[in-house]
Amino acid sequence: MFQAALGTESEERPLGFDPLGSDPMGSDLIDSDLVDSAASVPAASEPDSWILYMVAIAMIYISLVALRKLASHFFAKSAPQTNVPLFKIEDLLIIFGLWIFSTTAVVSLILTLFDDRFLAIPSSAIISILMMVMTITVHRKRCVEQNRPTDFFIVDGTSAGKLVGVALLALLCYLPAHLGVSWFWDSLLRVFDFDNDVQQGVVVIRDAIQQQNWGLLLSMALMAVVIAPCIEEVLFRGLLFRFLRDQNGFFPAALISSMLFGLMHDASWGPLVVLGFLLAWLYQRSGNLLVSIIFHATFNSVTIGLLFLVEYMGWGA
């Protein structure tokens, strides 16, 4: 939520993922002269569209097969069935209502008083952290009321080392699908002549690398790799998805929560919905929110690493 405080920057990006959910491998990282020169190349030299579609489909299929193998090997038990609801509707409405209202109010106040868009990031991040703490507190209260285990992050006692390994393997399995989905999403936006907006967090990180502003880069990396994954997984998977799952089952809960997860970000809605669905699936199959947090944090770390290689090391050239 807090990254949306900066707004968006309209740029076309055929592929990519950003630190809070989308990708850096896009046209926003390509020099405009290269784009102009590429446009002048005869159409006959461009690869046929159907070949690209087939490659994207193949990448998605590879990821699906790999994720299924991962689940069968590490998650011996079937996905948990719908339980008696833990959270109440008022829990959901109060926490998300406070989150959205307070963030909007604080960001608007900061922009009015100080006209500083970057000051809005830590301010909204603090609010998000408070909402995360409130969610964990409410979870513990409901567990005590219903005589349930109060563990929130590691439910079944699995070792942290195994959870880290599963999360990293899941990321490796998912990356081909992410690239394929991103290409399909960009193609769809081009058909309807829409811009594939770059998330403002990516713009800030990219500018920090180009200007060698390491202090800003470090603070943004901290938010993207530590703060955002914890906040978003607790609120979207630990609270929203779990409430919807207990009411309606896995698929509707994963779909609705992932769509809202995508809307709360300011770019690349399509790939973010797919990412959110996968994070819900990981939480459902593992029973441990820590798996989703580690996956999310590593995903963002890879994104920042790719941005650094492109912008600082010049790999994009």
Protein backbone atom coordinates (compact mmCIF):
# COMPACT_ATOMS: atom_id res chain seq x y z
CA MET A 1 0.00 0.00 0.00
CA PHE A 2 2.69 2.48 0.95
CA GLN A 3 4.39 2.30 -2.46
CA ALA A 4 1.18 3.56 -4.10
CA ALA A 5 1.65 6.85 -2.28
CA LEU A 6 4.05 8.02 -4.95
CA GLY A 7 1.70 7.47 -7.84
CA THR A 8 2.67 5.96 -11.20
CA GLU A 9 4.84 6.75 -14.13
CA SER A 10 3.49 5.78 -17.54
CA GLU A 11 6.06 3.80 -19.47
CA GLU A 12 5.78 0.74 -21.68
CA ARG A 13 7.42 -2.41 -20.40
CA PRO A 14 7.04 -5.67 -22.30
CA LEU A 15 8.37 -7.84 -19.50
CA GLY A 16 9.37 -7.34 -15.95
CA PHE A 17 8.85 -7.35 -12.27
CA ASP A 18 9.34 -4.62 -9.67
CA PRO A 19 10.34 -4.68 -6.01
CA LEU A 20 6.79 -4.70 -4.74
CA GLY A 21 5.28 -6.96 -7.25
CA SER A 22 5.99 -6.28 -10.94
CA ASP A 23 9.24 -6.68 -13.04
CA PRO A 24 12.35 -4.71 -14.09
CA MET A 25 12.90 -6.50 -17.37
CA GLY A 26 10.93 -4.09 -19.53
CA SER A 27 11.12 -1.35 -22.12
CA ASP A 28 11.56 1.25 -19.36
CA LEU A 29 15.09 -0.14 -18.97
CA ILE A 30 15.87 0.11 -22.68
CA ASP A 31 17.40 3.22 -24.18
CA SER A 32 14.94 5.19 -26.30
CA ASP A 33 17.41 5.28 -29.20
CA LEU A 34 17.46 1.50 -29.21
CA VAL A 35 13.68 1.44 -29.25
CA ASP A 36 13.56 3.88 -32.18
CA SER A 37 16.13 1.90 -34.13
CA ALA A 38 14.30 -1.34 -33.43
CA ALA A 39 11.10 0.19 -34.75
CA SER A 40 12.83 0.89 -38.07
CA VAL A 41 13.74 -2.77 -38.58
CA PRO A 42 11.56 -4.40 -41.24
CA ALA A 43 8.71 -6.46 -39.86
CA ALA A 44 9.98 -9.52 -41.67
CA SER A 45 13.01 -9.67 -39.34
CA GLU A 46 10.82 -9.80 -36.21
CA PRO A 47 9.97 -13.22 -34.78
CA ASP A 48 6.48 -14.48 -35.60
CA SER A 49 3.97 -13.74 -32.88
CA TRP A 50 2.78 -17.32 -32.72
CA ILE A 51 6.32 -18.45 -31.84
CA LEU A 52 6.42 -16.03 -28.92
CA TYR A 53 3.01 -17.22 -27.77
CA MET A 54 4.15 -20.82 -27.88
CA VAL A 55 7.31 -19.99 -25.92
CA ALA A 56 5.29 -18.13 -23.28
CA ILE A 57 2.82 -21.02 -22.97
CA ALA A 58 5.70 -23.48 -22.68
CA MET A 59 7.29 -21.41 -19.88
CA ILE A 60 4.00 -21.30 -17.96
CA TYR A 61 3.52 -25.06 -18.41
CA ILE A 62 7.05 -25.78 -17.17
CA SER A 63 6.37 -23.75 -14.03
CA LEU A 64 3.06 -25.49 -13.38
CA VAL A 65 4.64 -28.93 -13.68
CA ALA A 66 7.58 -27.92 -11.49
CA LEU A 67 5.32 -26.43 -8.81
CA ARG A 68 3.18 -29.55 -8.80
CA LYS A 69 6.26 -31.72 -8.31
CA LEU A 70 7.42 -29.41 -5.53
CA ALA A 71 4.06 -29.69 -3.78
CA SER A 72 3.94 -33.48 -4.05
CA HIS A 73 7.45 -33.80 -2.63
CA PHE A 74 7.40 -31.26 0.22
CA PHE A 75 3.70 -31.06 1.05
CA ALA A 76 2.74 -34.66 1.70
CA LYS A 77 -0.68 -33.79 3.06
CA SER A 78 -3.43 -32.42 0.90
CA ALA A 79 -4.38 -28.77 1.18
CA PRO A 80 -6.19 -27.98 4.44
CA GLN A 81 -9.97 -28.08 4.27
CA THR A 82 -12.10 -25.06 5.11
CA ASN A 83 -12.28 -24.66 8.89
CA VAL A 84 -14.69 -22.91 11.18
CA PRO A 85 -13.92 -19.24 10.47
CA LEU A 86 -11.28 -17.77 12.74
CA PHE A 87 -11.54 -14.08 11.86
CA LYS A 88 -14.81 -12.17 11.97
CA ILE A 89 -16.06 -9.80 9.30
CA GLU A 90 -15.56 -6.84 11.65
CA ASP A 91 -11.87 -7.76 11.98
CA LEU A 92 -11.46 -7.54 8.22
CA LEU A 93 -13.44 -4.33 7.81
CA ILE A 94 -11.78 -2.52 10.71
CA ILE A 95 -8.19 -3.41 9.80
CA PHE A 96 -8.44 -2.83 6.06
CA GLY A 97 -10.66 0.22 6.57
CA LEU A 98 -8.17 1.79 8.96
CA TRP A 99 -5.29 0.87 6.66
CA ILE A 100 -6.78 2.47 3.56
CA PHE A 101 -8.29 5.51 5.29
CA SER A 102 -5.28 6.38 7.47
CA THR A 103 -2.78 5.89 4.65
CA THR A 104 -4.79 8.05 2.27
CA ALA A 105 -5.26 10.76 4.90
CA VAL A 106 -1.62 10.84 6.01
CA VAL A 107 -0.25 10.85 2.47
CA SER A 108 -2.63 13.63 1.42
CA LEU A 109 -1.64 15.67 4.50
CA ILE A 110 2.08 15.24 3.82
CA LEU A 111 1.70 16.20 0.18
CA THR A 112 -0.33 19.26 1.17
CA LEU A 113 1.98 20.48 3.94
CA PHE A 114 5.40 19.50 2.63
CA ASP A 115 4.83 18.69 -1.05
CA ASP A 116 7.32 15.84 -0.58
CA ARG A 117 6.31 12.62 -2.33
CA PHE A 118 9.23 10.65 -0.90
CA LEU A 119 8.33 11.53 2.69
CA ALA A 120 5.04 9.74 2.10
CA ILE A 121 6.80 6.36 1.75
CA PRO A 122 8.09 5.94 5.33
CA SER A 123 4.93 7.54 6.74
CA SER A 124 2.61 5.09 5.01
CA ALA A 125 5.02 2.25 5.82
CA ILE A 126 4.69 3.01 9.54
CA ILE A 127 0.89 2.86 9.24
CA SER A 128 1.13 -0.47 7.41
CA ILE A 129 3.38 -1.88 10.13
CA LEU A 130 0.81 -0.85 12.77
CA MET A 131 -1.90 -2.64 10.78
CA MET A 132 0.27 -5.75 10.61
CA VAL A 133 0.77 -5.69 14.39
CA MET A 134 -2.97 -5.23 14.86
CA THR A 135 -3.68 -8.24 12.63
CA ILE A 136 -1.33 -10.47 14.62
CA THR A 137 -2.87 -9.24 17.89
CA VAL A 138 -6.41 -9.93 16.66
CA HIS A 139 -5.31 -13.36 15.42
CA ARG A 140 -3.98 -14.27 18.86
CA LYS A 141 -7.15 -13.00 20.53
CA ARG A 142 -9.42 -15.06 18.24
CA CYS A 143 -7.28 -18.17 18.75
CA VAL A 144 -7.53 -17.85 22.52
CA GLU A 145 -11.30 -17.34 22.27
CA GLN A 146 -11.71 -20.47 20.15
CA ASN A 147 -9.08 -22.55 21.95
CA ARG A 148 -6.86 -22.82 18.86
CA PRO A 149 -3.05 -22.80 18.56
CA THR A 150 -1.84 -19.20 18.47
CA ASP A 151 1.04 -19.80 16.02
CA PHE A 152 0.73 -17.36 13.12
CA PHE A 153 3.81 -17.78 10.95
CA ILE A 154 4.83 -21.43 11.47
CA VAL A 155 1.76 -23.53 12.15
CA ASP A 156 2.89 -27.15 11.92
CA GLY A 157 6.30 -26.84 13.60
CA THR A 158 8.33 -27.23 10.39
CA SER A 159 11.93 -26.05 10.74
CA ALA A 160 12.74 -22.59 9.44
CA GLY A 161 15.53 -24.03 7.26
CA LYS A 162 13.11 -26.27 5.39
CA LEU A 163 10.68 -23.39 4.89
CA VAL A 164 13.45 -21.24 3.40
CA GLY A 165 14.45 -24.06 1.05
CA VAL A 166 10.87 -24.65 -0.10
CA ALA A 167 10.33 -20.92 -0.72
CA LEU A 168 13.51 -20.63 -2.81
CA LEU A 169 12.66 -23.72 -4.85
CA ALA A 170 9.16 -22.38 -5.42
CA LEU A 171 10.63 -19.13 -6.72
CA LEU A 172 12.85 -20.98 -9.19
CA CYS A 173 9.85 -22.96 -10.37
CA TYR A 174 7.71 -19.85 -10.77
CA LEU A 175 10.08 -17.51 -12.63
CA PRO A 176 9.47 -18.99 -16.12
CA ALA A 177 5.71 -18.59 -15.65
CA HIS A 178 6.17 -15.03 -14.45
CA LEU A 179 8.02 -14.10 -17.62
CA GLY A 180 5.39 -15.82 -19.75
CA VAL A 181 2.49 -14.15 -17.94
CA SER A 182 4.21 -10.76 -18.15
CA TRP A 183 4.62 -11.15 -21.90
CA PHE A 184 0.95 -12.11 -22.33
CA TRP A 185 -0.12 -9.17 -20.18
CA ASP A 186 1.98 -6.70 -22.14
CA SER A 187 0.64 -8.10 -25.42
CA LEU A 188 -2.93 -7.65 -24.16
CA LEU A 189 -2.27 -4.05 -23.14
CA ARG A 190 -0.76 -3.32 -26.56
CA VAL A 191 -3.83 -4.73 -28.31
CA PHE A 192 -6.05 -2.27 -26.43
CA ASP A 193 -3.44 0.52 -26.65
CA PHE A 194 -2.90 0.81 -22.89
CA ASP A 195 0.40 1.74 -21.26
CA ASN A 196 2.09 -0.82 -19.02
CA ASP A 197 2.84 1.56 -16.15
CA VAL A 198 6.05 1.25 -14.18
CA GLN A 199 5.58 1.07 -10.43
CA GLN A 200 6.91 4.23 -8.82
CA GLY A 201 9.01 2.19 -6.41
CA VAL A 202 10.96 0.85 -9.38
CA VAL A 203 11.47 4.38 -10.68
CA VAL A 204 12.84 5.50 -7.31
CA ILE A 205 15.21 2.53 -7.08
CA ARG A 206 16.33 2.97 -10.68
CA ASP A 207 17.04 6.67 -10.15
CA ALA A 208 18.90 5.92 -6.91
CA ILE A 209 21.16 3.46 -8.74
CA GLN A 210 21.78 5.84 -11.63
CA GLN A 211 22.60 8.70 -9.25
CA GLN A 212 24.56 6.36 -6.93
CA ASN A 213 22.43 7.51 -4.03
CA TRP A 214 23.22 4.48 -1.89
CA GLY A 215 21.36 5.77 1.18
CA LEU A 216 18.10 6.02 -0.75
CA LEU A 217 18.76 2.69 -2.43
CA LEU A 218 19.37 1.00 0.92
CA SER A 219 16.17 2.40 2.42
CA MET A 220 14.10 1.37 -0.59
CA ALA A 221 15.69 -2.09 -0.57
CA LEU A 222 14.83 -2.44 3.11
CA MET A 223 11.23 -1.62 2.38
CA ALA A 224 11.02 -3.90 -0.64
CA VAL A 225 12.82 -6.91 0.84
CA VAL A 226 11.81 -6.79 4.52
CA ILE A 227 8.91 -4.48 5.28
CA ALA A 228 6.63 -4.93 2.26
CA PRO A 229 6.71 -8.77 2.18
CA CYS A 230 5.88 -9.02 5.89
CA ILE A 231 3.08 -6.46 5.74
CA GLU A 232 1.49 -7.71 2.55
CA GLU A 233 1.63 -11.38 3.45
CA VAL A 234 0.17 -10.83 6.91
CA LEU A 235 -2.65 -8.63 5.60
CA PHE A 236 -3.45 -10.25 2.26
CA ARG A 237 -2.72 -13.91 2.97
CA GLY A 238 -2.81 -14.14 6.76
CA LEU A 239 -6.00 -12.06 7.17
CA LEU A 240 -7.90 -11.50 3.90
CA PHE A 241 -7.23 -14.85 2.19
CA ARG A 242 -7.73 -16.84 5.38
CA PHE A 243 -11.03 -15.13 6.15
CA LEU A 244 -12.33 -15.70 2.61
CA ARG A 245 -11.05 -19.30 2.53
CA ASP A 246 -12.81 -20.18 5.77
CA GLN A 247 -16.03 -18.76 4.31
CA ASN A 248 -15.90 -19.91 0.68
CA GLY A 249 -13.03 -22.35 0.11
CA PHE A 250 -9.62 -21.98 -1.50
CA PHE A 251 -10.20 -20.95 -5.12
CA PRO A 252 -12.59 -18.00 -4.59
CA ALA A 253 -10.48 -16.80 -1.68
CA ALA A 254 -7.23 -16.98 -3.63
CA LEU A 255 -8.77 -15.26 -6.66
CA ILE A 256 -10.41 -12.40 -4.76
CA SER A 257 -7.45 -11.77 -2.45
CA SER A 258 -4.96 -11.84 -5.34
CA MET A 259 -7.08 -9.41 -7.38
CA LEU A 260 -7.21 -6.98 -4.46
CA PHE A 261 -3.48 -7.53 -3.95
CA GLY A 262 -2.89 -6.45 -7.55
CA LEU A 263 -5.17 -3.43 -7.26
CA MET A 264 -3.35 -2.19 -4.15
CA HIS A 265 -0.19 -1.85 -6.23
CA ASP A 266 0.23 0.84 -8.84
CA ALA A 267 1.36 -1.13 -11.92
CA SER A 268 1.42 -4.48 -13.75
CA TRP A 269 -1.93 -5.67 -12.40
CA GLY A 270 -2.06 -8.90 -14.40
CA PRO A 271 1.27 -10.46 -13.33
CA LEU A 272 0.64 -9.30 -9.75
CA VAL A 273 -2.67 -11.16 -9.62
CA VAL A 274 -0.91 -14.35 -10.70
CA LEU A 275 1.83 -13.73 -8.14
CA GLY A 276 -0.77 -13.16 -5.41
CA PHE A 277 -2.58 -16.38 -6.36
CA LEU A 278 0.69 -18.34 -6.10
CA LEU A 279 1.45 -16.80 -2.69
CA ALA A 280 -2.01 -17.84 -1.47
CA TRP A 281 -1.42 -21.36 -2.82
CA LEU A 282 1.93 -21.59 -1.03
CA TYR A 283 0.31 -20.52 2.23
CA GLN A 284 -2.53 -22.99 1.74
CA ARG A 285 -0.32 -25.98 0.93
CA SER A 286 2.44 -25.32 3.45
CA GLY A 287 0.28 -24.04 6.29
CA ASN A 288 3.08 -21.58 7.04
CA LEU A 289 2.90 -17.88 6.28
CA LEU A 290 6.69 -17.74 6.51
CA VAL A 291 6.97 -19.58 3.18
CA SER A 292 5.02 -16.83 1.42
CA ILE A 293 7.02 -14.11 3.16
CA ILE A 294 10.37 -15.63 2.18
CA PHE A 295 9.19 -16.19 -1.41
CA HIS A 296 7.96 -12.59 -1.64
CA ALA A 297 11.15 -11.15 -0.13
CA THR A 298 13.40 -13.20 -2.40
CA PHE A 299 11.35 -12.25 -5.44
CA ASN A 300 11.84 -8.58 -4.64
CA SER A 301 15.55 -9.14 -3.97
CA VAL A 302 16.00 -10.70 -7.40
CA THR A 303 14.19 -7.77 -8.94
CA ILE A 304 16.45 -5.20 -7.28
CA GLY A 305 19.49 -7.26 -8.25
CA LEU A 306 18.41 -7.22 -11.91
CA LEU A 307 17.83 -3.48 -11.76
CA PHE A 308 21.31 -3.01 -10.34
CA LEU A 309 22.89 -5.14 -13.08
CA VAL A 310 21.04 -3.22 -15.78
CA GLU A 311 21.39 0.32 -14.43
CA TYR A 312 24.79 0.23 -12.71
CA MET A 313 26.70 -2.56 -14.42
CA GLY A 314 25.33 -1.69 -17.82
CA TRP A 315 24.12 -5.16 -18.72
CA GLY A 316 21.14 -3.68 -20.53
CA ALA A 317 23.49 -2.12 -23.09
